[in-house]
């Protein structure tokens, strides 16, 4: 269908170009391959976002466990620091050194909302010299056996 001349003169040139560009009679559309490529790109994007979400949740869990471990460590650090050096909890029992986590001197299992934590502390008398007692506290948790926090306390006799 042709446009009447009196209407053509009233339409700006931009609209004339656009009207000529779109032809409703032609079969312009998407091919099956174009649709499959678009779906594949969309699927890859969705998978990437879901993997990032899962990684973020795992990281959040690990950070929470470490936060609770640090809180337990701080609590025991303060409690041991405030004990007198003659307290039985500050006696050497069997540890070979401060890092011995098999033959430890003292052990407590602490249950927190973040999980179950094992607190171990070893004592070394006369270290660094004969006026001091050194205590090293280790924190382990079952959800991450490699996860460990340690801290040292020097107690003056």
C-alpha atoms as a PDB file:
ATOM      1  CA  UNK A   1       0.000   0.000   0.000  1.00  0.00           C
ATOM      2  CA  UNK A   2       1.405   3.353  -1.057  1.00  0.00           C
ATOM      3  CA  UNK A   3       1.286   6.441   1.076  1.00  0.00           C
ATOM      4  CA  UNK A   4      -0.570   9.463  -0.368  1.00  0.00           C
ATOM      5  CA  UNK A   5       1.640  12.357  -1.502  1.00  0.00           C
ATOM      6  CA  UNK A   6       0.099  14.911   0.837  1.00  0.00           C
ATOM      7  CA  UNK A   7       1.106  12.703   3.862  1.00  0.00           C
ATOM      8  CA  UNK A   8       4.640  12.068   2.577  1.00  0.00           C
ATOM      9  CA  UNK A   9       5.482  15.748   2.579  1.00  0.00           C
ATOM     10  CA  UNK A  10       4.360  16.062   6.223  1.00  0.00           C
ATOM     11  CA  UNK A  11       6.559  13.225   7.551  1.00  0.00           C
ATOM     12  CA  UNK A  12      10.141  14.152   8.483  1.00  0.00           C
ATOM     13  CA  UNK A  13      12.963  12.447   6.579  1.00  0.00           C
ATOM     14  CA  UNK A  14      13.973  10.266   9.561  1.00  0.00           C
ATOM     15  CA  UNK A  15      10.560   8.694   9.760  1.00  0.00           C
ATOM     16  CA  UNK A  16      10.498   8.187   5.983  1.00  0.00           C
ATOM     17  CA  UNK A  17      13.761   6.232   6.255  1.00  0.00           C
ATOM     18  CA  UNK A  18      12.439   4.132   9.152  1.00  0.00           C
ATOM     19  CA  UNK A  19       9.218   3.343   7.347  1.00  0.00           C
ATOM     20  CA  UNK A  20      11.096   2.154   4.305  1.00  0.00           C
ATOM     21  CA  UNK A  21      13.458   0.037   6.428  1.00  0.00           C
ATOM     22  CA  UNK A  22      10.781  -2.096   8.058  1.00  0.00           C
ATOM     23  CA  UNK A  23       9.042  -4.234   5.538  1.00  0.00           C
ATOM     24  CA  UNK A  24       6.315  -6.376   7.042  1.00  0.00           C
ATOM     25  CA  UNK A  25       6.172  -8.669   4.053  1.00  0.00           C
ATOM     26  CA  UNK A  26       9.756  -9.977   4.436  1.00  0.00           C
ATOM     27  CA  UNK A  27      10.556 -12.926   6.699  1.00  0.00           C
ATOM     28  CA  UNK A  28      12.951 -11.200   9.118  1.00  0.00           C
ATOM     29  CA  UNK A  29      13.345 -13.232  12.323  1.00  0.00           C
ATOM     30  CA  UNK A  30      15.705 -15.388  14.340  1.00  0.00           C
ATOM     31  CA  UNK A  31      17.028 -18.658  13.033  1.00  0.00           C
ATOM     32  CA  UNK A  32      17.155 -21.774  15.169  1.00  0.00           C
ATOM     33  CA  UNK A  33      20.953 -21.504  15.465  1.00  0.00           C
ATOM     34  CA  UNK A  34      20.725 -17.923  16.742  1.00  0.00           C
ATOM     35  CA  UNK A  35      18.208 -19.005  19.378  1.00  0.00           C
ATOM     36  CA  UNK A  36      20.401 -21.950  20.462  1.00  0.00           C
ATOM     37  CA  UNK A  37      23.459 -19.686  20.731  1.00  0.00           C
ATOM     38  CA  UNK A  38      21.480 -17.197  22.840  1.00  0.00           C
ATOM     39  CA  UNK A  39      20.202 -19.977  25.143  1.00  0.00           C
ATOM     40  CA  UNK A  40      23.747 -21.365  25.507  1.00  0.00           C
ATOM     41  CA  UNK A  41      25.155 -17.954  26.456  1.00  0.00           C
ATOM     42  CA  UNK A  42      22.319 -17.428  28.936  1.00  0.00           C
ATOM     43  CA  UNK A  43      22.893 -20.904  30.475  1.00  0.00           C
ATOM     44  CA  UNK A  44      26.633 -20.245  30.885  1.00  0.00           C
ATOM     45  CA  UNK A  45      25.835 -16.939  32.609  1.00  0.00           C
ATOM     46  CA  UNK A  46      23.345 -18.584  34.982  1.00  0.00           C
ATOM     47  CA  UNK A  47      25.805 -21.401  35.828  1.00  0.00           C
ATOM     48  CA  UNK A  48      28.556 -18.873  36.551  1.00  0.00           C
ATOM     49  CA  UNK A  49      26.334 -16.887  38.898  1.00  0.00           C
ATOM     50  CA  UNK A  50      25.184 -20.055  40.707  1.00  0.00           C
ATOM     51  CA  UNK A  51      28.800 -21.220  41.172  1.00  0.00           C
ATOM     52  CA  UNK A  52      29.734 -17.824  42.603  1.00  0.00           C
ATOM     53  CA  UNK A  53      26.791 -18.048  45.007  1.00  0.00           C
ATOM     54  CA  UNK A  54      27.852 -21.508  46.212  1.00  0.00           C
ATOM     55  CA  UNK A  55      31.464 -20.346  46.652  1.00  0.00           C
ATOM     56  CA  UNK A  56      30.253 -17.324  48.620  1.00  0.00           C
ATOM     57  CA  UNK A  57      28.192 -19.525  50.945  1.00  0.00           C
ATOM     58  CA  UNK A  58      31.164 -21.853  51.576  1.00  0.00           C
ATOM     59  CA  UNK A  59      33.426 -18.908  52.275  1.00  0.00           C
ATOM     60  CA  UNK A  60      30.868 -17.485  54.685  1.00  0.00           C
ATOM     61  CA  UNK A  61      30.747 -20.805  56.561  1.00  0.00           C
ATOM     62  CA  UNK A  62      34.538 -20.964  56.882  1.00  0.00           C
ATOM     63  CA  UNK A  63      34.682 -17.358  58.074  1.00  0.00           C
ATOM     64  CA  UNK A  64      32.012 -18.099  60.704  1.00  0.00           C
ATOM     65  CA  UNK A  65      33.957 -21.145  61.955  1.00  0.00           C
ATOM     66  CA  UNK A  66      37.138 -19.104  62.222  1.00  0.00           C
ATOM     67  CA  UNK A  67      35.297 -16.304  64.007  1.00  0.00           C
ATOM     68  CA  UNK A  68      33.957 -18.723  66.647  1.00  0.00           C
ATOM     69  CA  UNK A  69      37.396 -20.358  66.960  1.00  0.00           C
ATOM     70  CA  UNK A  70      38.985 -16.965  67.554  1.00  0.00           C
ATOM     71  CA  UNK A  71      36.328 -16.145  70.160  1.00  0.00           C
ATOM     72  CA  UNK A  72      36.980 -19.448  72.010  1.00  0.00           C
ATOM     73  CA  UNK A  73      40.732 -18.833  71.815  1.00  0.00           C
ATOM     74  CA  UNK A  74      40.321 -15.333  73.263  1.00  0.00           C
ATOM     75  CA  UNK A  75      38.179 -16.639  76.116  1.00  0.00           C
ATOM     76  CA  UNK A  76      40.700 -19.312  77.107  1.00  0.00           C
ATOM     77  CA  UNK A  77      43.596 -16.899  76.622  1.00  0.00           C
ATOM     78  CA  UNK A  78      42.057 -14.477  79.128  1.00  0.00           C
ATOM     79  CA  UNK A  79      41.117 -17.244  81.577  1.00  0.00           C
ATOM     80  CA  UNK A  80      44.615 -18.774  81.545  1.00  0.00           C
ATOM     81  CA  UNK A  81      46.261 -15.379  81.688  1.00  0.00           C
ATOM     82  CA  UNK A  82      44.344 -14.578  84.886  1.00  0.00           C
ATOM     83  CA  UNK A  83      45.286 -17.848  86.631  1.00  0.00           C
ATOM     84  CA  UNK A  84      48.064 -17.811  89.208  1.00  0.00           C
ATOM     85  CA  UNK A  85      51.183 -19.701  88.132  1.00  0.00           C
ATOM     86  CA  UNK A  86      50.609 -22.255  90.909  1.00  0.00           C
ATOM     87  CA  UNK A  87      47.228 -23.330  89.458  1.00  0.00           C
ATOM     88  CA  UNK A  88      47.070 -27.034  88.432  1.00  0.00           C
ATOM     89  CA  UNK A  89      45.836 -25.988  84.970  1.00  0.00           C
ATOM     90  CA  UNK A  90      49.272 -24.446  84.432  1.00  0.00           C
ATOM     91  CA  UNK A  91      51.248 -27.563  85.346  1.00  0.00           C
ATOM     92  CA  UNK A  92      53.308 -29.400  82.765  1.00  0.00           C
ATOM     93  CA  UNK A  93      51.922 -32.933  82.338  1.00  0.00           C
ATOM     94  CA  UNK A  94      53.294 -34.774  79.300  1.00  0.00           C
ATOM     95  CA  UNK A  95      53.794 -32.583  76.234  1.00  0.00           C
ATOM     96  CA  UNK A  96      57.093 -32.882  74.389  1.00  0.00           C
ATOM     97  CA  UNK A  97      57.000 -29.254  73.309  1.00  0.00           C
ATOM     98  CA  UNK A  98      54.575 -26.372  72.904  1.00  0.00           C
ATOM     99  CA  UNK A  99      53.376 -27.580  69.478  1.00  0.00           C
ATOM    100  CA  UNK A 100      52.629 -31.155  70.600  1.00  0.00           C
ATOM    101  CA  UNK A 101      48.945 -31.735  69.834  1.00  0.00           C
ATOM    102  CA  UNK A 102      49.013 -35.499  70.449  1.00  0.00           C
ATOM    103  CA  UNK A 103      50.500 -35.655  73.962  1.00  0.00           C
ATOM    104  CA  UNK A 104      49.001 -32.418  75.189  1.00  0.00           C
ATOM    105  CA  UNK A 105      49.072 -31.112  78.752  1.00  0.00           C
ATOM    106  CA  UNK A 106      45.428 -30.028  79.006  1.00  0.00           C
ATOM    107  CA  UNK A 107      42.349 -30.388  76.795  1.00  0.00           C
ATOM    108  CA  UNK A 108      38.768 -29.051  76.819  1.00  0.00           C
ATOM    109  CA  UNK A 109      35.973 -29.566  74.280  1.00  0.00           C
ATOM    110  CA  UNK A 110      33.922 -26.426  73.729  1.00  0.00           C
ATOM    111  CA  UNK A 111      30.481 -26.524  72.095  1.00  0.00           C
ATOM    112  CA  UNK A 112      29.441 -23.232  70.449  1.00  0.00           C
ATOM    113  CA  UNK A 113      26.782 -22.250  67.893  1.00  0.00           C
ATOM    114  CA  UNK A 114      29.587 -22.292  65.309  1.00  0.00           C
ATOM    115  CA  UNK A 115      30.522 -25.909  65.989  1.00  0.00           C
ATOM    116  CA  UNK A 116      32.509 -28.099  68.357  1.00  0.00           C
ATOM    117  CA  UNK A 117      36.004 -26.858  69.136  1.00  0.00           C
ATOM    118  CA  UNK A 118      38.857 -28.665  70.868  1.00  0.00           C
ATOM    119  CA  UNK A 119      41.041 -26.462  73.033  1.00  0.00           C
ATOM    120  CA  UNK A 120      44.511 -27.801  73.861  1.00  0.00           C
ATOM    121  CA  UNK A 121      47.186 -26.015  75.816  1.00  0.00           C
ATOM    122  CA  UNK A 122      50.742 -27.035  76.551  1.00  0.00           C
ATOM    123  CA  UNK A 123      53.030 -25.640  79.209  1.00  0.00           C
ATOM    124  CA  UNK A 124      56.777 -25.244  79.073  1.00  0.00           C
ATOM    125  CA  UNK A 125      58.451 -24.347  82.373  1.00  0.00           C
ATOM    126  CA  UNK A 126      61.477 -22.054  82.517  1.00  0.00           C
ATOM    127  CA  UNK A 127      61.006 -20.789  78.995  1.00  0.00           C
ATOM    128  CA  UNK A 128      62.365 -18.377  77.671  1.00  0.00           C
ATOM    129  CA  UNK A 129      64.297 -18.248  80.968  1.00  0.00           C
ATOM    130  CA  UNK A 130      63.793 -19.654  84.478  1.00  0.00           C
ATOM    131  CA  UNK A 131      61.529 -16.778  85.584  1.00  0.00           C
ATOM    132  CA  UNK A 132      58.788 -17.648  83.094  1.00  0.00           C
ATOM    133  CA  UNK A 133      56.259 -20.278  82.216  1.00  0.00           C
ATOM    134  CA  UNK A 134      55.101 -20.366  78.562  1.00  0.00           C
ATOM    135  CA  UNK A 135      51.619 -21.555  77.622  1.00  0.00           C
ATOM    136  CA  UNK A 136      50.585 -22.213  74.022  1.00  0.00           C
ATOM    137  CA  UNK A 137      46.864 -22.607  73.298  1.00  0.00           C
ATOM    138  CA  UNK A 138      45.667 -24.472  70.178  1.00  0.00           C
ATOM    139  CA  UNK A 139      42.094 -24.482  68.830  1.00  0.00           C
ATOM    140  CA  UNK A 140      40.885 -27.214  66.428  1.00  0.00           C
ATOM    141  CA  UNK A 141      37.439 -27.776  64.991  1.00  0.00           C
ATOM    142  CA  UNK A 142      35.963 -30.922  63.474  1.00  0.00           C
ATOM    143  CA  UNK A 143      34.465 -29.248  60.387  1.00  0.00           C
ATOM    144  CA  UNK A 144      37.938 -28.220  59.222  1.00  0.00           C
ATOM    145  CA  UNK A 145      40.703 -30.437  60.676  1.00  0.00           C
ATOM    146  CA  UNK A 146      43.414 -28.304  59.062  1.00  0.00           C
ATOM    147  CA  UNK A 147      41.999 -25.198  60.673  1.00  0.00           C
ATOM    148  CA  UNK A 148      43.976 -24.299  63.771  1.00  0.00           C
ATOM    149  CA  UNK A 149      44.532 -21.136  65.744  1.00  0.00           C
ATOM    150  CA  UNK A 150      47.332 -20.801  68.273  1.00  0.00           C
ATOM    151  CA  UNK A 151      48.433 -18.200  70.756  1.00  0.00           C
ATOM    152  CA  UNK A 152      51.182 -17.922  73.389  1.00  0.00           C
ATOM    153  CA  UNK A 153      51.091 -16.601  76.940  1.00  0.00           C
ATOM    154  CA  UNK A 154      54.168 -15.835  79.044  1.00  0.00           C
ATOM    155  CA  UNK A 155      53.544 -16.130  82.795  1.00  0.00           C
ATOM    156  CA  UNK A 156      56.012 -14.707  85.294  1.00  0.00           C
ATOM    157  CA  UNK A 157      56.692 -16.915  88.356  1.00  0.00           C
END
